[in-house]
Amino acid sequence: METSSQRVTESIAAPGRDRAIGAILIDAGRLSAEGAEKILREQKAHGLRFGDAAIALGLLKQADIDFALNRQFEYPVLHAGDESVSEELIAAFKPSSAIVEQLRALRSQLMVRGIGDALTRSLAVVSAEKGEGRSFIAANLAVVFSQLGERTLLIDADLRRPRQHELFKLDPRSSGLSSLLSGRAGSEAIVRIPSLVGLSVLPAGAVPPNPQELLARAQFSRLLDEAGKSFDVIIIDTPSAASSADSSIVAARSGAALLLARQDFTPAPALLALKGSLAASSVKLVGAVLNNF
C-alpha cells in the first residue's frame, strides 16, 4: 500500500521549481515528509509559494529556503553555524561581501588569461614570504571557480606547513599529495567536498622529510596531466619562496602562476626575486594580487 510519505515525496520530486525545493530539504534532513505535506496543503489553499507557505506554518526558516535555492541553482552558499568547513572560506559563507566580489573579479581576469582552458588548467598561487595569505586566496579562489560550475580541484602542495586540511576540516592523518607522490596512495586521496558542489581537495597528507624531492618527481607532472582530464580548473597552494624552492618547482610543473603580495608587508626585493625566478623557469605569470585581507 502506498503511504502518505511516499505520495508527498513523489509530489515534491515532480517537475516544478517549488516542489524541487521541498525535495532538496527532505534529502538534506531539514524537512520531514509529513511537514512537506502540510506545506503543500497550505500552498494549495492560499496560492502561496512553497517557501512562503513553509515559513507561514513555522516549519522552515528563510535560511532553509536560501539553502534549497542555492542547491537548486548549483550555487553552494553556507550559512553561519555550518561547521562542515572553516569560516575562512568567505566565498562560501559571504558571497555578497566586497572581498568575494574582488575574488570574482580576479577569477574573471584569470579566465581571460586562459586559466581553465584546455591548455592551462593548473595555477600555482605563490608568494615570497610567509603570512601573505596564499592558503586563504587559493582556497577561496577554488570556491569561486566551483560556484561558476567549473569542476575544481584544490591541491595543497605546501608539504612543509599545510593548511588546506584545516580550512576544509579534513583528517590530517589521511592520505594526501605526499602519499600519492611517494606511491603509497592513488586518486582516492582526492576528497570531494559535499557542501560545495564541484569542489574537490587533495590535501598535503603527512609532512614528509623530503618535500622538495617529492615535488620534483615526474609523478607530480603526471598527477596534473591526469587531473586535467577530470577537472576544469586546478588551483595549487604552495609554501613561501623564502622557506624553500618548492613553490618554483610547483609553478614550473603547473606552467602558470599567480603572484601574491601582502600590503605593507612584502619586501619589494623578495617579490622581484621571485618574479625573476619564475621567469627563469619559463612559468607563465598570469597576474599579481596585492592582498589586504
Protein backbone atom coordinates (compact mmCIF):
# COMPACT_ATOMS: atom_id res chain seq x y z
CA MET A 1 0.00 0.00 0.00
CA GLU A 2 1.26 3.49 -0.88
CA THR A 3 1.96 5.61 2.19
CA SER A 4 1.29 9.30 2.72
CA SER A 5 5.04 9.94 2.90
CA GLN A 6 5.58 8.22 -0.45
CA ARG A 7 2.88 10.36 -2.08
CA VAL A 8 4.37 13.56 -0.70
CA THR A 9 7.90 12.64 -1.78
CA GLU A 10 6.72 11.82 -5.30
CA SER A 11 4.72 15.05 -5.45
CA ILE A 12 7.62 17.19 -4.35
CA ALA A 13 10.06 15.41 -6.65
CA ALA A 14 7.84 16.07 -9.65
CA PRO A 15 8.87 18.81 -12.11
CA GLY A 16 8.46 22.30 -10.78
CA ARG A 17 10.71 24.79 -9.08
CA ASP A 18 8.92 25.00 -5.70
CA ARG A 19 8.49 21.25 -5.40
CA ALA A 20 12.20 20.77 -6.12
CA ILE A 21 12.91 22.97 -3.10
CA GLY A 22 10.90 20.59 -0.95
CA ALA A 23 12.77 17.57 -2.28
CA ILE A 24 16.10 19.21 -1.54
CA LEU A 25 15.08 19.98 2.03
CA ILE A 26 13.82 16.45 2.64
CA ASP A 27 17.05 14.98 1.26
CA ALA A 28 19.06 17.33 3.49
CA GLY A 29 17.10 16.28 6.58
CA ARG A 30 15.70 19.78 7.13
CA LEU A 31 12.10 18.82 6.44
CA SER A 32 10.05 15.69 7.08
CA ALA A 33 7.65 14.21 4.55
CA GLU A 34 4.80 14.95 6.97
CA GLY A 35 5.90 18.58 7.23
CA ALA A 36 6.09 18.80 3.45
CA GLU A 37 2.53 17.50 3.19
CA LYS A 38 1.29 20.29 5.47
CA ILE A 39 3.19 22.86 3.40
CA LEU A 40 1.71 21.55 0.16
CA ARG A 41 -1.81 21.82 1.58
CA GLU A 42 -1.13 25.37 2.79
CA GLN A 43 0.39 26.27 -0.56
CA LYS A 44 -2.62 24.96 -2.49
CA ALA A 45 -5.20 26.51 -0.14
CA HIS A 46 -3.76 30.03 -0.21
CA GLY A 47 -1.94 30.15 -3.55
CA LEU A 48 1.45 30.66 -1.90
CA ARG A 49 4.92 29.73 -2.97
CA PHE A 50 6.33 26.67 -1.23
CA GLY A 51 8.81 28.72 0.82
CA ASP A 52 6.25 31.30 1.87
CA ALA A 53 3.83 28.58 2.96
CA ALA A 54 6.54 26.80 4.92
CA ILE A 55 7.58 29.96 6.78
CA ALA A 56 3.96 30.89 7.49
CA LEU A 57 3.47 27.49 9.12
CA GLY A 58 6.67 27.86 11.09
CA LEU A 59 8.08 24.65 9.63
CA LEU A 60 11.05 26.29 7.91
CA LYS A 61 13.14 29.42 8.24
CA GLN A 62 14.38 31.72 5.49
CA ALA A 63 17.85 30.17 5.89
CA ASP A 64 16.34 26.79 4.92
CA ILE A 65 14.76 28.27 1.80
CA ASP A 66 18.01 30.01 0.86
CA PHE A 67 19.84 26.72 1.37
CA ALA A 68 17.48 24.94 -1.02
CA LEU A 69 17.64 27.69 -3.65
CA ASN A 70 21.43 27.62 -3.57
CA ARG A 71 21.37 23.86 -4.11
CA GLN A 72 18.71 24.13 -6.78
CA PHE A 73 20.79 26.53 -8.84
CA GLU A 74 24.03 24.67 -8.00
CA TYR A 75 25.40 27.74 -6.23
CA PRO A 76 26.70 26.45 -2.90
CA VAL A 77 26.42 29.04 -0.14
CA LEU A 78 26.86 28.10 3.51
CA HIS A 79 25.20 29.81 6.46
CA ALA A 80 26.63 30.87 9.79
CA GLY A 81 26.81 27.89 12.08
CA ASP A 82 27.64 25.43 9.32
CA GLU A 83 30.68 23.64 10.69
CA SER A 84 31.49 21.46 7.68
CA VAL A 85 34.31 23.84 6.66
CA SER A 86 36.17 26.78 8.19
CA GLU A 87 34.58 30.23 8.17
CA GLU A 88 37.77 31.44 6.45
CA LEU A 89 36.10 30.21 3.27
CA ILE A 90 34.33 33.53 2.92
CA ALA A 91 33.38 32.83 -0.69
CA ALA A 92 31.07 30.12 0.64
CA PHE A 93 29.77 31.98 3.71
CA LYS A 94 29.61 35.60 2.48
CA PRO A 95 29.18 35.54 -1.31
CA SER A 96 27.82 39.12 -1.40
CA SER A 97 30.72 40.68 0.51
CA ALA A 98 33.13 43.15 -1.10
CA ILE A 99 36.03 40.75 -0.65
CA VAL A 100 34.26 37.99 -2.56
CA GLU A 101 33.34 40.41 -5.34
CA GLN A 102 37.07 41.08 -5.68
CA LEU A 103 37.74 37.35 -5.80
CA ARG A 104 35.16 37.01 -8.59
CA ALA A 105 36.85 39.84 -10.47
CA LEU A 106 40.16 38.00 -10.04
CA ARG A 107 38.52 34.81 -11.33
CA SER A 108 37.31 36.65 -14.43
CA GLN A 109 40.77 38.08 -15.10
CA LEU A 110 42.33 34.65 -14.74
CA MET A 111 39.86 33.14 -17.18
CA VAL A 112 40.61 35.91 -19.69
CA ARG A 113 44.26 34.93 -19.35
CA GLY A 114 43.49 31.33 -20.19
CA ILE A 115 43.09 29.63 -16.82
CA GLY A 116 40.59 26.83 -17.22
CA ASP A 117 41.04 26.31 -20.94
CA ALA A 118 42.37 23.07 -22.42
CA LEU A 119 45.99 24.26 -22.38
CA THR A 120 46.15 25.92 -18.94
CA ARG A 121 44.14 24.10 -16.33
CA SER A 122 46.63 24.42 -13.44
CA LEU A 123 47.51 27.55 -11.50
CA ALA A 124 50.03 27.80 -8.65
CA VAL A 125 49.45 30.51 -6.05
CA VAL A 126 52.90 31.72 -4.99
CA SER A 127 54.35 34.42 -2.74
CA ALA A 128 57.73 35.47 -1.42
CA GLU A 129 57.17 35.43 2.33
CA LYS A 130 55.23 33.55 4.99
CA GLY A 131 51.97 35.02 6.23
CA GLU A 132 50.89 36.60 2.95
CA GLY A 133 47.63 34.67 2.61
CA ARG A 134 48.39 32.06 -0.05
CA SER A 135 46.22 29.36 1.52
CA PHE A 136 43.34 31.80 2.07
CA ILE A 137 43.44 33.06 -1.53
CA ALA A 138 43.93 29.60 -3.04
CA ALA A 139 41.02 28.11 -1.08
CA ASN A 140 38.57 30.93 -1.78
CA LEU A 141 39.62 31.13 -5.42
CA ALA A 142 38.85 27.42 -5.71
CA VAL A 143 35.41 28.03 -4.18
CA VAL A 144 34.50 30.85 -6.60
CA PHE A 145 35.60 28.75 -9.58
CA SER A 146 33.40 25.89 -8.35
CA GLN A 147 30.49 28.32 -7.91
CA LEU A 148 30.80 29.12 -11.59
CA GLY A 149 30.13 25.47 -12.36
CA GLU A 150 33.75 24.59 -13.06
CA ARG A 151 34.92 21.20 -11.83
CA THR A 152 37.61 22.44 -9.48
CA LEU A 153 40.47 20.68 -7.71
CA LEU A 154 42.44 22.39 -4.95
CA ILE A 155 45.85 20.83 -4.27
CA ASP A 156 47.79 21.59 -1.11
CA ALA A 157 51.39 21.42 -2.31
CA ASP A 158 52.76 23.02 0.85
CA LEU A 159 54.37 19.88 2.20
CA ARG A 160 56.06 21.83 4.99
CA ARG A 161 53.26 23.74 6.74
CA PRO A 162 50.00 22.61 5.07
CA ARG A 163 46.74 24.41 5.86
CA GLN A 164 44.06 23.26 3.45
CA HIS A 165 43.10 20.27 5.63
CA GLU A 166 42.32 22.79 8.39
CA LEU A 167 40.22 25.02 6.14
CA PHE A 168 38.19 22.08 4.82
CA LYS A 169 38.25 20.17 8.12
CA LEU A 170 39.85 17.06 6.71
CA ASP A 171 41.62 14.41 8.75
CA PRO A 172 45.35 15.37 8.80
CA ARG A 173 46.22 11.68 9.13
CA SER A 174 44.53 10.75 5.85
CA SER A 175 46.37 10.19 2.57
CA GLY A 176 47.28 13.22 0.51
CA LEU A 177 49.72 14.61 -2.01
CA SER A 178 52.78 13.28 -0.18
CA SER A 179 51.30 9.77 -0.14
CA LEU A 180 50.39 9.99 -3.80
CA LEU A 181 53.84 11.22 -4.89
CA SER A 182 55.57 8.52 -2.88
CA GLY A 183 53.42 5.81 -4.46
CA ARG A 184 51.51 4.96 -1.28
CA ALA A 185 48.13 6.25 -2.46
CA GLY A 186 46.17 6.88 -5.63
CA SER A 187 43.29 9.07 -6.73
CA GLU A 188 41.31 8.05 -3.64
CA ALA A 189 43.38 10.66 -1.79
CA ILE A 190 41.32 13.35 -3.56
CA VAL A 191 38.41 14.35 -1.31
CA ARG A 192 35.07 15.54 -2.65
CA ILE A 193 33.66 18.39 -0.51
CA PRO A 194 29.94 17.55 -0.11
CA SER A 195 28.84 21.03 0.99
CA LEU A 196 30.47 22.72 -2.01
CA VAL A 197 29.23 21.47 -5.37
CA GLY A 198 32.00 20.80 -7.89
CA LEU A 199 34.91 21.24 -5.47
CA SER A 200 37.44 18.57 -4.54
CA VAL A 201 40.58 18.86 -2.42
CA LEU A 202 43.84 16.93 -2.45
CA PRO A 203 45.31 17.70 0.98
CA ALA A 204 49.03 17.64 1.61
CA GLY A 205 48.87 14.47 3.69
CA ALA A 206 51.66 13.55 6.09
CA VAL A 207 54.54 16.05 6.20
CA PRO A 208 57.47 14.20 4.56
CA PRO A 209 61.19 14.56 5.32
CA ASN A 210 61.94 15.27 1.64
CA PRO A 211 59.24 17.66 0.29
CA GLN A 212 61.36 19.22 -2.44
CA GLU A 213 62.45 15.87 -3.82
CA LEU A 214 58.86 14.60 -3.86
CA LEU A 215 57.58 17.64 -5.73
CA ALA A 216 60.39 17.35 -8.27
CA ARG A 217 59.39 13.82 -9.20
CA ALA A 218 57.76 13.10 -12.54
CA GLN A 219 54.72 11.79 -10.65
CA PHE A 220 53.66 15.36 -9.91
CA SER A 221 53.51 16.25 -13.61
CA ARG A 222 51.61 13.04 -14.31
CA LEU A 223 49.19 13.86 -11.50
CA LEU A 224 48.42 17.26 -13.04
CA ASP A 225 48.01 15.70 -16.50
CA GLU A 226 45.58 13.09 -15.20
CA ALA A 227 43.68 15.59 -13.05
CA GLY A 228 43.30 17.82 -16.10
CA LYS A 229 41.15 15.12 -17.68
CA SER A 230 38.65 15.19 -14.81
CA PHE A 231 38.79 18.81 -13.64
CA ASP A 232 38.36 22.13 -15.46
CA VAL A 233 40.50 24.15 -13.03
CA ILE A 234 43.32 23.07 -10.68
CA ILE A 235 44.40 25.57 -8.02
CA ILE A 236 47.65 24.76 -6.19
CA ASP A 237 48.64 26.13 -2.79
CA THR A 238 52.41 26.39 -2.23
CA PRO A 239 54.88 27.21 0.55
CA SER A 240 56.57 30.61 0.64
CA ALA A 241 59.56 31.14 -1.62
CA ALA A 242 61.50 32.39 1.40
CA SER A 243 61.27 29.00 3.10
CA SER A 244 62.25 26.81 0.14
CA ALA A 245 62.42 26.44 -3.62
CA ASP A 246 59.29 24.27 -3.55
CA SER A 247 56.98 26.95 -4.95
CA SER A 248 59.17 27.46 -8.02
CA ILE A 249 59.17 23.71 -8.67
CA VAL A 250 55.38 23.53 -8.32
CA ALA A 251 54.87 26.59 -10.54
CA ALA A 252 57.16 25.09 -13.20
CA ARG A 253 55.13 21.88 -13.14
CA SER A 254 51.81 23.71 -13.36
CA GLY A 255 53.02 26.10 -16.04
CA ALA A 256 51.17 29.14 -14.70
CA ALA A 257 51.39 31.16 -11.50
CA LEU A 258 49.55 33.89 -9.64
CA LEU A 259 51.96 36.09 -7.70
CA LEU A 260 50.69 37.22 -4.31
CA ALA A 261 51.99 40.05 -2.11
CA ARG A 262 50.66 41.48 1.13
CA GLN A 263 50.13 45.20 1.52
CA ASP A 264 52.68 46.90 3.84
CA PHE A 265 54.30 43.52 4.47
CA THR A 266 56.05 42.00 1.44
CA PRO A 267 59.59 43.32 0.80
CA ALA A 268 59.89 44.56 -2.78
CA PRO A 269 63.31 42.89 -3.34
CA ALA A 270 61.91 39.49 -2.33
CA LEU A 271 58.94 39.94 -4.66
CA LEU A 272 61.16 40.90 -7.59
CA ALA A 273 63.46 37.96 -6.89
CA LEU A 274 60.54 35.55 -7.00
CA LYS A 275 59.25 37.08 -10.21
CA GLY A 276 62.69 36.67 -11.77
CA SER A 277 62.87 33.05 -10.62
CA LEU A 278 59.51 32.27 -12.21
CA ALA A 279 60.58 33.91 -15.46
CA ALA A 280 63.81 31.90 -15.47
CA SER A 281 61.74 28.71 -15.16
CA SER A 282 59.53 29.76 -18.11
CA VAL A 283 56.48 29.94 -15.87
CA LYS A 284 53.57 31.94 -17.30
CA LEU A 285 52.85 34.70 -14.78
CA VAL A 286 49.14 35.33 -15.29
CA GLY A 287 48.79 38.09 -12.74
CA ALA A 288 49.70 39.59 -9.39
CA VAL A 289 47.47 40.24 -6.39
CA LEU A 290 48.01 42.73 -3.59
CA ASN A 291 46.37 41.08 -0.61
CA ASN A 292 44.99 43.42 2.05
CA PHE A 293 42.54 40.96 3.63
